Amino acid sequence: MLAMFLGLALEVVGYITRIMLHDEPFIKNNFILYLIFLTIAPAFISAGIYLCLSRIIVLFGSGLSRLNARTYTILFCTSDLVSLILQGVGGALASVGETTEDVRVPNP
C-alpha cells in the first residue's frame, strides 16, 4: 500500500511541475523534476500491484500459481529496476550530447 501511495504522490508532484512548465517551458529545473517524477512514479505503482498479486496468490492458494508468490514480486520488481536503470542511462546519454550527432544512435 505504501508503494502505491508513494507512486501516486510522485505522479501528483510530476503533474504539478508539468503545469508549472505551461507558462515557462524552458526552465530546466522544472523540466528535470517533471521528467524524473513522471518516470519513477509508474515503477512504484506497478510495484504495489506486484505486491498485491503475491498476496492474491497466497489468498487463493499457491497451488493455482506456476510460480511462488514471492518469486513474482522479486521477478517483476527486478525487471522494473532494470528498466529504470536503462531509462536513466538513456537520459544521461541524451543530456550529455551537445549536437544532434552526439545524441543520435548509429545504425548498425
PDB file of N, CA and C in Angstrom:
ATOM      1  N   MET A   1       0.816  -1.179   0.000  1.00  0.00           N
ATOM      2  CA  MET A   1       0.000   0.000   0.000  1.00  0.00           C
ATOM      3  C   MET A   1       0.871   1.258   0.000  1.00  0.00           C
ATOM      4  N   LEU A   2       1.987   1.189   0.712  1.00  0.00           N
ATOM      5  CA  LEU A   2       2.899   2.327   0.770  1.00  0.00           C
ATOM      6  C   LEU A   2       3.475   2.638  -0.608  1.00  0.00           C
ATOM      7  N   ALA A   3       3.829   1.594  -1.360  1.00  0.00           N
ATOM      8  CA  ALA A   3       4.379   1.801  -2.701  1.00  0.00           C
ATOM      9  C   ALA A   3       3.356   2.478  -3.611  1.00  0.00           C
ATOM     10  N   MET A   4       2.103   2.095  -3.481  1.00  0.00           N
ATOM     11  CA  MET A   4       1.052   2.695  -4.302  1.00  0.00           C
ATOM     12  C   MET A   4       0.865   4.174  -3.955  1.00  0.00           C
ATOM     13  N   PHE A   5       0.817   4.491  -2.664  1.00  0.00           N
ATOM     14  CA  PHE A   5       0.663   5.891  -2.248  1.00  0.00           C
ATOM     15  C   PHE A   5       1.869   6.733  -2.652  1.00  0.00           C
ATOM     16  N   LEU A   6       3.059   6.157  -2.533  1.00  0.00           N
ATOM     17  CA  LEU A   6       4.261   6.883  -2.934  1.00  0.00           C
ATOM     18  C   LEU A   6       4.256   7.134  -4.437  1.00  0.00           C
ATOM     19  N   GLY A   7       3.851   6.153  -5.211  1.00  0.00           N
ATOM     20  CA  GLY A   7       3.750   6.334  -6.656  1.00  0.00           C
ATOM     21  C   GLY A   7       2.737   7.392  -7.034  1.00  0.00           C
ATOM     22  N   LEU A   8       1.588   7.393  -6.364  1.00  0.00           N
ATOM     23  CA  LEU A   8       0.571   8.403  -6.649  1.00  0.00           C
ATOM     24  C   LEU A   8       1.041   9.795  -6.249  1.00  0.00           C
ATOM     25  N   ALA A   9       1.755   9.896  -5.119  1.00  0.00           N
ATOM     26  CA  ALA A   9       2.290  11.196  -4.700  1.00  0.00           C
ATOM     27  C   ALA A   9       3.313  11.708  -5.704  1.00  0.00           C
ATOM     28  N   LEU A  10       4.165  10.823  -6.211  1.00  0.00           N
ATOM     29  CA  LEU A  10       5.140  11.225  -7.223  1.00  0.00           C
ATOM     30  C   LEU A  10       4.457  11.656  -8.515  1.00  0.00           C
ATOM     31  N   GLU A  11       3.374  10.979  -8.880  1.00  0.00           N
ATOM     32  CA  GLU A  11       2.605  11.376 -10.063  1.00  0.00           C
ATOM     33  C   GLU A  11       2.028  12.778  -9.890  1.00  0.00           C
ATOM     34  N   VAL A  12       1.477  13.041  -8.710  1.00  0.00           N
ATOM     35  CA  VAL A  12       0.882  14.358  -8.459  1.00  0.00           C
ATOM     36  C   VAL A  12       1.948  15.443  -8.547  1.00  0.00           C
ATOM     37  N   VAL A  13       3.102  15.215  -7.923  1.00  0.00           N
ATOM     38  CA  VAL A  13       4.185  16.203  -7.980  1.00  0.00           C
ATOM     39  C   VAL A  13       4.672  16.374  -9.420  1.00  0.00           C
ATOM     40  N   GLY A  14       4.751  15.279 -10.158  1.00  0.00           N
ATOM     41  CA  GLY A  14       5.170  15.358 -11.553  1.00  0.00           C
ATOM     42  C   GLY A  14       4.220  16.182 -12.396  1.00  0.00           C
ATOM     43  N   TYR A  15       2.929  15.995 -12.186  1.00  0.00           N
ATOM     44  CA  TYR A  15       1.965  16.777 -12.954  1.00  0.00           C
ATOM     45  C   TYR A  15       1.904  18.229 -12.500  1.00  0.00           C
ATOM     46  N   ILE A  16       2.181  18.482 -11.228  1.00  0.00           N
ATOM     47  CA  ILE A  16       2.269  19.871 -10.773  1.00  0.00           C
ATOM     48  C   ILE A  16       3.441  20.569 -11.454  1.00  0.00           C
ATOM     49  N   THR A  17       4.587  19.891 -11.545  1.00  0.00           N
ATOM     50  CA  THR A  17       5.721  20.506 -12.250  1.00  0.00           C
ATOM     51  C   THR A  17       5.432  20.641 -13.741  1.00  0.00           C
ATOM     52  N   ARG A  18       4.624  19.746 -14.282  1.00  0.00           N
ATOM     53  CA  ARG A  18       4.238  19.879 -15.688  1.00  0.00           C
ATOM     54  C   ARG A  18       3.359  21.106 -15.891  1.00  0.00           C
ATOM     55  N   ILE A  19       2.466  21.359 -14.946  1.00  0.00           N
ATOM     56  CA  ILE A  19       1.635  22.567 -15.015  1.00  0.00           C
ATOM     57  C   ILE A  19       2.506  23.809 -14.887  1.00  0.00           C
ATOM     58  N   MET A  20       3.541  23.746 -14.051  1.00  0.00           N
ATOM     59  CA  MET A  20       4.453  24.880 -13.904  1.00  0.00           C
ATOM     60  C   MET A  20       5.202  25.164 -15.200  1.00  0.00           C
ATOM     61  N   LEU A  21       5.387  24.140 -16.033  1.00  0.00           N
ATOM     62  CA  LEU A  21       6.055  24.322 -17.323  1.00  0.00           C
ATOM     63  C   LEU A  21       5.150  24.994 -18.359  1.00  0.00           C
ATOM     64  N   HIS A  22       3.868  25.107 -18.076  1.00  0.00           N
ATOM     65  CA  HIS A  22       2.948  25.668 -19.054  1.00  0.00           C
ATOM     66  C   HIS A  22       3.310  27.101 -19.427  1.00  0.00           C
ATOM     67  N   ASP A  23       3.589  27.926 -18.444  1.00  0.00           N
ATOM     68  CA  ASP A  23       3.903  29.330 -18.713  1.00  0.00           C
ATOM     69  C   ASP A  23       5.342  29.522 -19.185  1.00  0.00           C
ATOM     70  N   GLU A  24       6.270  28.817 -18.593  1.00  0.00           N
ATOM     71  CA  GLU A  24       7.694  28.925 -18.940  1.00  0.00           C
ATOM     72  C   GLU A  24       8.237  27.538 -19.262  1.00  0.00           C
ATOM     73  N   PRO A  25       8.137  27.084 -20.511  1.00  0.00           N
ATOM     74  CA  PRO A  25       8.548  25.715 -20.837  1.00  0.00           C
ATOM     75  C   PRO A  25      10.059  25.505 -20.878  1.00  0.00           C
ATOM     76  N   PHE A  26      10.853  26.554 -20.772  1.00  0.00           N
ATOM     77  CA  PHE A  26      12.294  26.398 -20.905  1.00  0.00           C
ATOM     78  C   PHE A  26      13.042  26.530 -19.589  1.00  0.00           C
ATOM     79  N   ILE A  27      12.347  26.393 -18.467  1.00  0.00           N
ATOM     80  CA  ILE A  27      13.015  26.363 -17.166  1.00  0.00           C
ATOM     81  C   ILE A  27      13.540  24.943 -16.959  1.00  0.00           C
ATOM     82  N   LYS A  28      14.851  24.813 -16.936  1.00  0.00           N
ATOM     83  CA  LYS A  28      15.472  23.491 -16.929  1.00  0.00           C
ATOM     84  C   LYS A  28      15.176  22.711 -15.648  1.00  0.00           C
ATOM     85  N   ASN A  29      15.187  23.365 -14.495  1.00  0.00           N
ATOM     86  CA  ASN A  29      14.954  22.656 -13.234  1.00  0.00           C
ATOM     87  C   ASN A  29      13.550  22.058 -13.176  1.00  0.00           C
ATOM     88  N   ASN A  30      12.548  22.799 -13.604  1.00  0.00           N
ATOM     89  CA  ASN A  30      11.186  22.273 -13.618  1.00  0.00           C
ATOM     90  C   ASN A  30      11.051  21.111 -14.600  1.00  0.00           C
ATOM     91  N   PHE A  31      11.710  21.221 -15.733  1.00  0.00           N
ATOM     92  CA  PHE A  31      11.656  20.140 -16.716  1.00  0.00           C
ATOM     93  C   PHE A  31      12.303  18.876 -16.176  1.00  0.00           C
ATOM     94  N   ILE A  32      13.434  19.012 -15.494  1.00  0.00           N
ATOM     95  CA  ILE A  32      14.118  17.851 -14.934  1.00  0.00           C
ATOM     96  C   ILE A  32      13.267  17.207 -13.845  1.00  0.00           C
ATOM     97  N   LEU A  33      12.651  18.017 -12.979  1.00  0.00           N
ATOM     98  CA  LEU A  33      11.771  17.468 -11.939  1.00  0.00           C
ATOM     99  C   LEU A  33      10.585  16.742 -12.556  1.00  0.00           C
ATOM    100  N   TYR A  34       9.989  17.356 -13.565  1.00  0.00           N
ATOM    101  CA  TYR A  34       8.860  16.737 -14.262  1.00  0.00           C
ATOM    102  C   TYR A  34       9.269  15.390 -14.852  1.00  0.00           C
ATOM    103  N   LEU A  35      10.403  15.357 -15.482  1.00  0.00           N
ATOM    104  CA  LEU A  35      10.872  14.140 -16.130  1.00  0.00           C
ATOM    105  C   LEU A  35      11.189  13.044 -15.119  1.00  0.00           C
ATOM    106  N   ILE A  36      11.847  13.405 -14.039  1.00  0.00           N
ATOM    107  CA  ILE A  36      12.228  12.413 -13.031  1.00  0.00           C
ATOM    108  C   ILE A  36      10.995  11.845 -12.329  1.00  0.00           C
ATOM    109  N   PHE A  37      10.100  12.716 -11.875  1.00  0.00           N
ATOM    110  CA  PHE A  37       8.942  12.239 -11.128  1.00  0.00           C
ATOM    111  C   PHE A  37       8.020  11.381 -11.982  1.00  0.00           C
ATOM    112  N   LEU A  38       7.784  11.800 -13.219  1.00  0.00           N
ATOM    113  CA  LEU A  38       6.869  11.028 -14.058  1.00  0.00           C
ATOM    114  C   LEU A  38       7.524   9.795 -14.676  1.00  0.00           C
ATOM    115  N   THR A  39       8.822   9.646 -14.518  1.00  0.00           N
ATOM    116  CA  THR A  39       9.493   8.425 -14.947  1.00  0.00           C
ATOM    117  C   THR A  39       9.534   7.405 -13.823  1.00  0.00           C
ATOM    118  N   ILE A  40       9.745   7.856 -12.609  1.00  0.00           N
ATOM    119  CA  ILE A  40       9.883   6.945 -11.473  1.00  0.00           C
ATOM    120  C   ILE A  40       8.530   6.507 -10.916  1.00  0.00           C
ATOM    121  N   ALA A  41       7.533   7.356 -10.957  1.00  0.00           N
ATOM    122  CA  ALA A  41       6.246   7.075 -10.316  1.00  0.00           C
ATOM    123  C   ALA A  41       5.574   5.787 -10.802  1.00  0.00           C
ATOM    124  N   PRO A  42       5.519   5.493 -12.095  1.00  0.00           N
ATOM    125  CA  PRO A  42       4.871   4.242 -12.510  1.00  0.00           C
ATOM    126  C   PRO A  42       5.552   2.984 -11.979  1.00  0.00           C
ATOM    127  N   ALA A  43       6.843   3.053 -11.715  1.00  0.00           N
ATOM    128  CA  ALA A  43       7.534   1.894 -11.155  1.00  0.00           C
ATOM    129  C   ALA A  43       7.033   1.599  -9.743  1.00  0.00           C
ATOM    130  N   PHE A  44       6.750   2.637  -8.966  1.00  0.00           N
ATOM    131  CA  PHE A  44       6.218   2.419  -7.624  1.00  0.00           C
ATOM    132  C   PHE A  44       4.788   1.894  -7.679  1.00  0.00           C
ATOM    133  N   ILE A  45       4.010   2.405  -8.614  1.00  0.00           N
ATOM    134  CA  ILE A  45       2.631   1.926  -8.749  1.00  0.00           C
ATOM    135  C   ILE A  45       2.617   0.464  -9.170  1.00  0.00           C
ATOM    136  N   SER A  46       3.455   0.109 -10.132  1.00  0.00           N
ATOM    137  CA  SER A  46       3.493  -1.296 -10.557  1.00  0.00           C
ATOM    138  C   SER A  46       4.060  -2.191  -9.453  1.00  0.00           C
ATOM    139  N   ALA A  47       4.989  -1.690  -8.643  1.00  0.00           N
ATOM    140  CA  ALA A  47       5.484  -2.478  -7.514  1.00  0.00           C
ATOM    141  C   ALA A  47       4.361  -2.757  -6.518  1.00  0.00           C
ATOM    142  N   GLY A  48       3.493  -1.777  -6.299  1.00  0.00           N
ATOM    143  CA  GLY A  48       2.335  -2.002  -5.436  1.00  0.00           C
ATOM    144  C   GLY A  48       1.406  -3.062  -5.999  1.00  0.00           C
ATOM    145  N   ILE A  49       1.241  -3.061  -7.316  1.00  0.00           N
ATOM    146  CA  ILE A  49       0.401  -4.077  -7.961  1.00  0.00           C
ATOM    147  C   ILE A  49       1.045  -5.453  -7.832  1.00  0.00           C
ATOM    148  N   TYR A  50       2.362  -5.529  -7.987  1.00  0.00           N
ATOM    149  CA  TYR A  50       3.050  -6.821  -7.851  1.00  0.00           C
ATOM    150  C   TYR A  50       2.943  -7.359  -6.437  1.00  0.00           C
ATOM    151  N   LEU A  51       3.010  -6.486  -5.442  1.00  0.00           N
ATOM    152  CA  LEU A  51       2.852  -6.930  -4.059  1.00  0.00           C
ATOM    153  C   LEU A  51       1.426  -7.427  -3.809  1.00  0.00           C
ATOM    154  N   CYS A  52       0.445  -6.756  -4.407  1.00  0.00           N
ATOM    155  CA  CYS A  52      -0.941  -7.225  -4.296  1.00  0.00           C
ATOM    156  C   CYS A  52      -1.123  -8.568  -4.995  1.00  0.00           C
ATOM    157  N   LEU A  53      -0.455  -8.751  -6.118  1.00  0.00           N
ATOM    158  CA  LEU A  53      -0.545 -10.020  -6.844  1.00  0.00           C
ATOM    159  C   LEU A  53      -0.020 -11.166  -5.989  1.00  0.00           C
ATOM    160  N   SER A  54       1.079 -10.940  -5.294  1.00  0.00           N
ATOM    161  CA  SER A  54       1.613 -12.013  -4.451  1.00  0.00           C
ATOM    162  C   SER A  54       0.658 -12.330  -3.303  1.00  0.00           C
ATOM    163  N   ARG A  55      -0.009 -11.329  -2.767  1.00  0.00           N
ATOM    164  CA  ARG A  55      -0.979 -11.576  -1.691  1.00  0.00           C
ATOM    165  C   ARG A  55      -2.222 -12.294  -2.214  1.00  0.00           C
ATOM    166  N   ILE A  56      -2.618 -11.987  -3.449  1.00  0.00           N
ATOM    167  CA  ILE A  56      -3.765 -12.680  -4.053  1.00  0.00           C
ATOM    168  C   ILE A  56      -3.438 -14.151  -4.268  1.00  0.00           C
ATOM    169  N   ILE A  57      -2.201 -14.429  -4.676  1.00  0.00           N
ATOM    170  CA  ILE A  57      -1.787 -15.817  -4.881  1.00  0.00           C
ATOM    171  C   ILE A  57      -1.821 -16.576  -3.562  1.00  0.00           C
ATOM    172  N   VAL A  58      -1.342 -15.952  -2.496  1.00  0.00           N
ATOM    173  CA  VAL A  58      -1.381 -16.592  -1.184  1.00  0.00           C
ATOM    174  C   VAL A  58      -2.827 -16.800  -0.734  1.00  0.00           C
ATOM    175  N   LEU A  59      -3.701 -15.833  -1.021  1.00  0.00           N
ATOM    176  CA  LEU A  59      -5.095 -15.907  -0.593  1.00  0.00           C
ATOM    177  C   LEU A  59      -5.848 -17.036  -1.293  1.00  0.00           C
ATOM    178  N   PHE A  60      -5.667 -17.164  -2.600  1.00  0.00           N
ATOM    179  CA  PHE A  60      -6.408 -18.173  -3.345  1.00  0.00           C
ATOM    180  C   PHE A  60      -5.706 -19.518  -3.413  1.00  0.00           C
ATOM    181  N   GLY A  61      -4.478 -19.583  -2.958  1.00  0.00           N
ATOM    182  CA  GLY A  61      -3.768 -20.858  -2.922  1.00  0.00           C
ATOM    183  C   GLY A  61      -2.592 -20.877  -3.869  1.00  0.00           C
ATOM    184  N   SER A  62      -1.458 -21.262  -3.323  1.00  0.00           N
ATOM    185  CA  SER A  62      -0.230 -21.313  -4.125  1.00  0.00           C
ATOM    186  C   SER A  62      -0.266 -22.415  -5.175  1.00  0.00           C
ATOM    187  N   GLY A  63      -1.145 -23.393  -4.991  1.00  0.00           N
ATOM    188  CA  GLY A  63      -1.244 -24.485  -5.957  1.00  0.00           C
ATOM    189  C   GLY A  63      -1.796 -24.038  -7.296  1.00  0.00           C
ATOM    190  N   LEU A  64      -2.491 -22.922  -7.332  1.00  0.00           N
ATOM    191  CA  LEU A  64      -3.052 -22.422  -8.585  1.00  0.00           C
ATOM    192  C   LEU A  64      -2.040 -21.630  -9.409  1.00  0.00           C
ATOM    193  N   SER A  65      -0.911 -21.309  -8.823  1.00  0.00           N
ATOM    194  CA  SER A  65       0.096 -20.494  -9.499  1.00  0.00           C
ATOM    195  C   SER A  65       1.272 -21.355  -9.930  1.00  0.00           C
ATOM    196  N   ARG A  66       1.837 -21.009 -11.055  1.00  0.00           N
ATOM    197  CA  ARG A  66       3.011 -21.749 -11.534  1.00  0.00           C
ATOM    198  C   ARG A  66       4.271 -21.393 -10.751  1.00  0.00           C
ATOM    199  N   LEU A  67       4.323 -20.152 -10.275  1.00  0.00           N
ATOM    200  CA  LEU A  67       5.481 -19.690  -9.520  1.00  0.00           C
ATOM    201  C   LEU A  67       5.088 -19.404  -8.088  1.00  0.00           C
ATOM    202  N   ASN A  68       6.081 -19.362  -7.231  1.00  0.00           N
ATOM    203  CA  ASN A  68       5.878 -18.991  -5.844  1.00  0.00           C
ATOM    204  C   ASN A  68       5.443 -17.527  -5.782  1.00  0.00           C
ATOM    205  N   ALA A  69       4.666 -17.171  -4.785  1.00  0.00           N
ATOM    206  CA  ALA A  69       4.162 -15.796  -4.676  1.00  0.00           C
ATOM    207  C   ALA A  69       5.311 -14.803  -4.545  1.00  0.00           C
ATOM    208  N   ARG A  70       6.316 -15.139  -3.801  1.00  0.00           N
ATOM    209  CA  ARG A  70       7.465 -14.236  -3.619  1.00  0.00           C
ATOM    210  C   ARG A  70       8.259 -14.086  -4.913  1.00  0.00           C
ATOM    211  N   THR A  71       8.263 -15.116  -5.741  1.00  0.00           N
ATOM    212  CA  THR A  71       9.011 -15.070  -6.997  1.00  0.00           C
ATOM    213  C   THR A  71       8.448 -14.017  -7.938  1.00  0.00           C
ATOM    214  N   TYR A  72       7.121 -13.871  -7.966  1.00  0.00           N
ATOM    215  CA  TYR A  72       6.509 -12.843  -8.807  1.00  0.00           C
ATOM    216  C   TYR A  72       7.001 -11.452  -8.422  1.00  0.00           C
ATOM    217  N   THR A  73       6.989 -11.187  -7.126  1.00  0.00           N
ATOM    218  CA  THR A  73       7.406  -9.865  -6.654  1.00  0.00           C
ATOM    219  C   THR A  73       8.867  -9.604  -6.986  1.00  0.00           C
ATOM    220  N   ILE A  74       9.725 -10.556  -6.703  1.00  0.00           N
ATOM    221  CA  ILE A  74      11.159 -10.387  -6.967  1.00  0.00           C
ATOM    222  C   ILE A  74      11.410 -10.222  -8.461  1.00  0.00           C
ATOM    223  N   LEU A  75      10.787 -11.060  -9.279  1.00  0.00           N
ATOM    224  CA  LEU A  75      10.996 -11.025 -10.720  1.00  0.00           C
ATOM    225  C   LEU A  75      10.531  -9.701 -11.334  1.00  0.00           C
ATOM    226  N   PHE A  76       9.318  -9.283 -11.004  1.00  0.00           N
ATOM    227  CA  PHE A  76       8.768  -8.072 -11.603  1.00  0.00           C
ATOM    228  C   PHE A  76       9.441  -6.808 -11.077  1.00  0.00           C
ATOM    229  N   CYS A  77       9.735  -6.764  -9.778  1.00  0.00           N
ATOM    230  CA  CYS A  77      10.396  -5.572  -9.234  1.00  0.00           C
ATOM    231  C   CYS A  77      11.820  -5.450  -9.764  1.00  0.00           C
ATOM    232  N   THR A  78      12.499  -6.575  -9.962  1.00  0.00           N
ATOM    233  CA  THR A  78      13.832  -6.536 -10.560  1.00  0.00           C
ATOM    234  C   THR A  78      13.767  -6.037 -11.997  1.00  0.00           C
ATOM    235  N   SER A  79      12.770  -6.489 -12.753  1.00  0.00           N
ATOM    236  CA  SER A  79      12.650  -6.012 -14.132  1.00  0.00           C
ATOM    237  C   SER A  79      12.304  -4.524 -14.176  1.00  0.00           C
ATOM    238  N   ASP A  80      11.505  -4.041 -13.221  1.00  0.00           N
ATOM    239  CA  ASP A  80      11.239  -2.601 -13.136  1.00  0.00           C
ATOM    240  C   ASP A  80      12.507  -1.821 -12.832  1.00  0.00           C
ATOM    241  N   LEU A  81      13.317  -2.335 -11.923  1.00  0.00           N
ATOM    242  CA  LEU A  81      14.572  -1.666 -11.575  1.00  0.00           C
ATOM    243  C   LEU A  81      15.514  -1.613 -12.777  1.00  0.00           C
ATOM    244  N   VAL A  82      15.607  -2.711 -13.510  1.00  0.00           N
ATOM    245  CA  VAL A  82      16.459  -2.732 -14.704  1.00  0.00           C
ATOM    246  C   VAL A  82      15.959  -1.733 -15.742  1.00  0.00           C
ATOM    247  N   SER A  83      14.652  -1.645 -15.927  1.00  0.00           N
ATOM    248  CA  SER A  83      14.127  -0.694 -16.916  1.00  0.00           C
ATOM    249  C   SER A  83      14.368   0.748 -16.472  1.00  0.00           C
ATOM    250  N   LEU A  84      14.276   1.035 -15.180  1.00  0.00           N
ATOM    251  CA  LEU A  84      14.584   2.381 -14.695  1.00  0.00           C
ATOM    252  C   LEU A  84      16.055   2.727 -14.906  1.00  0.00           C
ATOM    253  N   ILE A  85      16.921   1.755 -14.686  1.00  0.00           N
ATOM    254  CA  ILE A  85      18.352   1.989 -14.917  1.00  0.00           C
ATOM    255  C   ILE A  85      18.610   2.269 -16.391  1.00  0.00           C
ATOM    256  N   LEU A  86      17.985   1.495 -17.277  1.00  0.00           N
ATOM    257  CA  LEU A  86      18.155   1.724 -18.712  1.00  0.00           C
ATOM    258  C   LEU A  86      17.610   3.086 -19.133  1.00  0.00           C
ATOM    259  N   GLN A  87      16.494   3.501 -18.566  1.00  0.00           N
ATOM    260  CA  GLN A  87      15.948   4.820 -18.870  1.00  0.00           C
ATOM    261  C   GLN A  87      16.878   5.918 -18.370  1.00  0.00           C
ATOM    262  N   GLY A  88      17.462   5.705 -17.195  1.00  0.00           N
ATOM    263  CA  GLY A  88      18.401   6.685 -16.657  1.00  0.00           C
ATOM    264  C   GLY A  88      19.657   6.803 -17.499  1.00  0.00           C
ATOM    265  N   VAL A  89      20.173   5.674 -17.958  1.00  0.00           N
ATOM    266  CA  VAL A  89      21.349   5.691 -18.820  1.00  0.00           C
ATOM    267  C   VAL A  89      21.035   6.382 -20.143  1.00  0.00           C
ATOM    268  N   GLY A  90      19.879   6.085 -20.705  1.00  0.00           N
ATOM    269  CA  GLY A  90      19.483   6.740 -21.955  1.00  0.00           C
ATOM    270  C   GLY A  90      19.311   8.239 -21.793  1.00  0.00           C
ATOM    271  N   GLY A  91      18.699   8.647 -20.691  1.00  0.00           N
ATOM    272  CA  GLY A  91      18.549  10.073 -20.428  1.00  0.00           C
ATOM    273  C   GLY A  91      19.882  10.763 -20.203  1.00  0.00           C
ATOM    274  N   ALA A  92      20.784  10.076 -19.507  1.00  0.00           N
ATOM    275  CA  ALA A  92      22.109  10.656 -19.272  1.00  0.00           C
ATOM    276  C   ALA A  92      22.880  10.802 -20.580  1.00  0.00           C
ATOM    277  N   LEU A  93      22.800   9.811 -21.431  1.00  0.00           N
ATOM    278  CA  LEU A  93      23.493   9.892 -22.733  1.00  0.00           C
ATOM    279  C   LEU A  93      22.903  10.997 -23.594  1.00  0.00           C
ATOM    280  N   ALA A  94      21.584  11.145 -23.539  1.00  0.00           N
ATOM    281  CA  ALA A  94      20.942  12.193 -24.338  1.00  0.00           C
ATOM    282  C   ALA A  94      21.264  13.582 -23.798  1.00  0.00           C
ATOM    283  N   SER A  95      21.435  13.703 -22.492  1.00  0.00           N
ATOM    284  CA  SER A  95      21.696  15.026 -21.926  1.00  0.00           C
ATOM    285  C   SER A  95      23.143  15.453 -22.080  1.00  0.00           C
ATOM    286  N   VAL A  96      24.054  14.498 -22.253  1.00  0.00           N
ATOM    287  CA  VAL A  96      25.472  14.832 -22.392  1.00  0.00           C
ATOM    288  C   VAL A  96      25.777  15.363 -23.788  1.00  0.00           C
ATOM    289  N   GLY A  97      25.052  14.880 -24.782  1.00  0.00           N
ATOM    290  CA  GLY A  97      25.318  15.290 -26.155  1.00  0.00           C
ATOM    291  C   GLY A  97      25.030  16.760 -26.391  1.00  0.00           C
ATOM    292  N   GLU A  98      25.918  17.410 -27.119  1.00  0.00           N
ATOM    293  CA  GLU A  98      25.745  18.833 -27.403  1.00  0.00           C
ATOM    294  C   GLU A  98      25.182  19.085 -28.793  1.00  0.00           C
ATOM    295  N   THR A  99      25.389  18.146 -29.691  1.00  0.00           N
ATOM    296  CA  THR A  99      24.859  18.290 -31.043  1.00  0.00           C
ATOM    297  C   THR A  99      23.938  17.116 -31.347  1.00  0.00           C
ATOM    298  N   THR A 100      23.229  17.201 -32.456  1.00  0.00           N
ATOM    299  CA  THR A 100      22.328  16.126 -32.850  1.00  0.00           C
ATOM    300  C   THR A 100      23.082  14.840 -33.127  1.00  0.00           C
ATOM    301  N   GLU A 101      24.275  14.952 -33.689  1.00  0.00           N
ATOM    302  CA  GLU A 101      25.064  13.761 -33.991  1.00  0.00           C
ATOM    303  C   GLU A 101      25.543  13.059 -32.728  1.00  0.00           C
ATOM    304  N   ASP A 102      25.753  13.811 -31.639  1.00  0.00           N
ATOM    305  CA  ASP A 102      26.177  13.198 -30.390  1.00  0.00           C
ATOM    306  C   ASP A 102      25.058  12.367 -29.767  1.00  0.00           C
ATOM    307  N   VAL A 103      23.809  12.790 -29.980  1.00  0.00           N
ATOM    308  CA  VAL A 103      22.675  12.112 -29.369  1.00  0.00           C
ATOM    309  C   VAL A 103      22.173  10.975 -30.237  1.00  0.00           C
ATOM    310  N   ARG A 104      22.319  11.074 -31.526  1.00  0.00           N
ATOM    311  CA  ARG A 104      21.799  10.083 -32.465  1.00  0.00           C
ATOM    312  C   ARG A 104      22.521   8.757 -32.296  1.00  0.00           C
ATOM    313  N   VAL A 105      21.735   7.666 -32.302  1.00  0.00           N
ATOM    314  CA  VAL A 105      22.290   6.324 -32.211  1.00  0.00           C
ATOM    315  C   VAL A 105      22.677   5.878 -33.610  1.00  0.00           C
ATOM    316  N   PRO A 106      23.910   5.377 -33.804  1.00  0.00           N
ATOM    317  CA  PRO A 106      24.314   4.963 -35.156  1.00  0.00           C
ATOM    318  C   PRO A 106      23.562   3.711 -35.601  1.00  0.00           C
ATOM    319  N   ASN A 107      23.284   3.633 -36.886  1.00  0.00           N
ATOM    320  CA  ASN A 107      22.636   2.458 -37.464  1.00  0.00           C
ATOM    321  C   ASN A 107      23.670   1.358 -37.654  1.00  0.00           C
ATOM    322  N   PRO A 108      23.289   0.118 -37.327  1.00  0.00           N
ATOM    323  CA  PRO A 108      24.254  -0.992 -37.497  1.00  0.00           C
ATOM    324  C   PRO A 108      24.455  -1.370 -38.942  1.00  0.00           C
TER     325      PRO A 108
END
